[in-house]
Amino acid sequence: MKRGNGGSTNPKPGPEETGTPRRVLIIGATRSLPLALQAMEGASLTVTQFSDVNSRLLDRAEPDIVLAPLFSNDFDITDLAAELVRLGYDGELRAFSRPLPAPKIVVSELRAFWPELDFDLIILPGD
């Protein structure tokens, strides 16, 4: 069962090397996710809600990367990271957010809690 290769010492070639479309799993997409991202070219997108995240979804979507808001009404990135690790995912996880006062601290904390994941932030333009 493929779950990503963020923690692997012998990573599989990524979409860039194989020429295959990047598989993107978007959890809890909101209006703050730019329309351009929702219509990414050369990518296979699966959009769902946090309540639908389970092993069956990961098996079907086989994501190369998971995108989700840093905070939402239903969950935050810590909830999602914990669930993904519990399900065996060890690939890329990107949280998107409006500008933060100390984004490096957020990234550092989340990487420390979940070293299995390749975590980073995508800072969206402010209003």
Protein backbone atom coordinates (compact mmCIF):
# COMPACT_ATOMS: atom_id res chain seq x y z
CA MET A 1 0.00 0.00 0.00
CA LYS A 2 1.59 3.26 -1.13
CA ARG A 3 1.56 6.02 1.43
CA GLY A 4 4.25 8.45 0.26
CA ASN A 5 7.98 8.41 0.67
CA GLY A 6 8.75 11.34 2.96
CA GLY A 7 10.54 9.19 5.51
CA SER A 8 12.08 6.72 3.08
CA THR A 9 15.83 6.40 2.76
CA ASN A 10 15.37 5.13 -0.81
CA PRO A 11 12.63 7.35 -2.24
CA LYS A 12 10.69 6.37 -5.30
CA PRO A 13 11.07 8.67 -8.30
CA GLY A 14 8.60 11.53 -8.13
CA PRO A 15 6.27 12.77 -10.85
CA GLU A 16 8.97 15.10 -12.13
CA GLU A 17 11.26 12.14 -12.89
CA THR A 18 8.62 9.79 -14.28
CA GLY A 19 6.52 12.29 -16.23
CA THR A 20 3.34 11.10 -14.49
CA PRO A 21 0.78 13.64 -13.23
CA ARG A 22 1.26 14.71 -9.63
CA ARG A 23 -1.47 13.27 -7.38
CA VAL A 24 -2.75 15.98 -5.03
CA LEU A 25 -5.14 15.32 -2.15
CA ILE A 26 -6.85 18.52 -0.96
CA ILE A 27 -8.53 18.30 2.43
CA GLY A 28 -11.05 20.94 3.49
CA ALA A 29 -10.63 23.31 0.55
CA THR A 30 -11.95 26.76 1.37
CA ARG A 31 -12.31 30.07 -0.41
CA SER A 32 -8.80 30.91 0.82
CA LEU A 33 -7.39 28.28 -1.55
CA PRO A 34 -6.72 30.16 -4.77
CA LEU A 35 -8.78 29.14 -7.76
CA ALA A 36 -5.53 28.68 -9.71
CA LEU A 37 -4.53 25.91 -7.30
CA GLN A 38 -7.88 24.18 -7.67
CA ALA A 39 -7.34 24.04 -11.44
CA MET A 40 -3.71 22.87 -11.46
CA GLU A 41 -2.56 21.62 -14.85
CA GLY A 42 -0.74 18.32 -15.01
CA ALA A 43 -2.12 17.15 -11.68
CA SER A 44 -4.69 14.64 -10.57
CA LEU A 45 -6.76 16.31 -7.83
CA THR A 46 -8.87 14.66 -5.18
CA VAL A 47 -10.84 17.10 -3.02
CA THR A 48 -12.50 15.91 0.16
CA GLN A 49 -13.29 16.81 3.76
CA PHE A 50 -11.40 15.85 6.91
CA SER A 51 -14.19 13.52 8.01
CA ASP A 52 -13.58 11.43 4.86
CA VAL A 53 -9.86 10.82 5.51
CA ASN A 54 -9.31 7.08 5.92
CA SER A 55 -7.13 4.28 4.56
CA ARG A 56 -9.53 3.63 1.67
CA LEU A 57 -9.20 7.25 0.53
CA LEU A 58 -5.40 7.12 0.70
CA ASP A 59 -5.36 3.83 -1.21
CA ARG A 60 -7.59 5.28 -3.94
CA ALA A 61 -5.96 8.73 -4.21
CA GLU A 62 -2.33 7.59 -3.67
CA PRO A 63 -1.33 11.22 -3.03
CA ASP A 64 2.12 12.57 -3.74
CA ILE A 65 1.16 15.59 -1.66
CA VAL A 66 -1.64 16.50 0.75
CA LEU A 67 -2.82 20.14 0.97
CA ALA A 68 -5.00 21.49 3.75
CA PRO A 69 -5.67 24.71 5.63
CA LEU A 70 -3.55 25.37 8.70
CA PHE A 71 -6.81 26.09 10.57
CA SER A 72 -10.45 25.54 9.66
CA ASN A 73 -13.79 25.28 11.45
CA ASP A 74 -13.67 21.47 11.32
CA PHE A 75 -9.99 20.64 11.96
CA ASP A 76 -6.50 22.02 12.01
CA ILE A 77 -3.29 20.74 10.48
CA THR A 78 -2.29 18.98 13.72
CA ASP A 79 -5.48 16.88 13.58
CA LEU A 80 -4.78 15.98 9.95
CA ALA A 81 -1.08 15.24 10.51
CA ALA A 82 -1.89 12.90 13.40
CA GLU A 83 -4.50 11.07 11.32
CA LEU A 84 -2.25 10.75 8.27
CA VAL A 85 0.60 9.33 10.36
CA ARG A 86 -1.83 6.94 12.08
CA LEU A 87 -2.87 5.73 8.61
CA GLY A 88 0.75 5.22 7.55
CA TYR A 89 1.18 8.22 5.24
CA ASP A 90 4.73 9.59 5.24
CA GLY A 91 4.75 11.92 2.25
CA GLU A 92 4.43 15.64 1.68
CA LEU A 93 1.95 17.65 3.75
CA ARG A 94 1.46 21.33 3.00
CA ALA A 95 -0.68 23.65 5.08
CA PHE A 96 -1.91 26.86 3.51
CA SER A 97 -2.52 29.98 5.53
CA ARG A 98 -2.78 33.73 5.41
CA PRO A 99 0.42 35.48 6.57
CA LEU A 100 1.53 34.49 10.07
CA PRO A 101 3.73 36.42 12.51
CA ALA A 102 6.25 33.55 12.87
CA PRO A 103 5.77 30.91 10.15
CA LYS A 104 9.21 29.35 10.74
CA ILE A 105 8.21 28.49 14.32
CA VAL A 106 5.02 26.80 13.11
CA VAL A 107 6.96 24.73 10.56
CA SER A 108 9.62 23.81 13.10
CA GLU A 109 7.06 22.70 15.70
CA LEU A 110 5.09 20.57 13.25
CA ARG A 111 8.22 18.95 11.84
CA ALA A 112 9.30 18.11 15.39
CA PHE A 113 5.94 16.50 16.24
CA TRP A 114 5.67 14.53 12.98
CA PRO A 115 9.15 13.86 11.56
CA GLU A 116 7.62 11.14 9.34
CA LEU A 117 5.99 13.85 7.23
CA ASP A 118 7.60 16.25 4.79
CA PHE A 119 5.82 19.33 6.18
CA ASP A 120 5.87 22.92 5.00
CA LEU A 121 3.63 26.00 4.80
CA ILE A 122 2.20 27.77 1.79
CA ILE A 123 1.60 31.39 2.71
CA LEU A 124 -1.29 32.88 0.74
CA PRO A 125 -1.45 36.59 -0.02
CA GLY A 126 -3.25 38.67 2.59
CA ASP A 127 -6.59 40.34 1.87
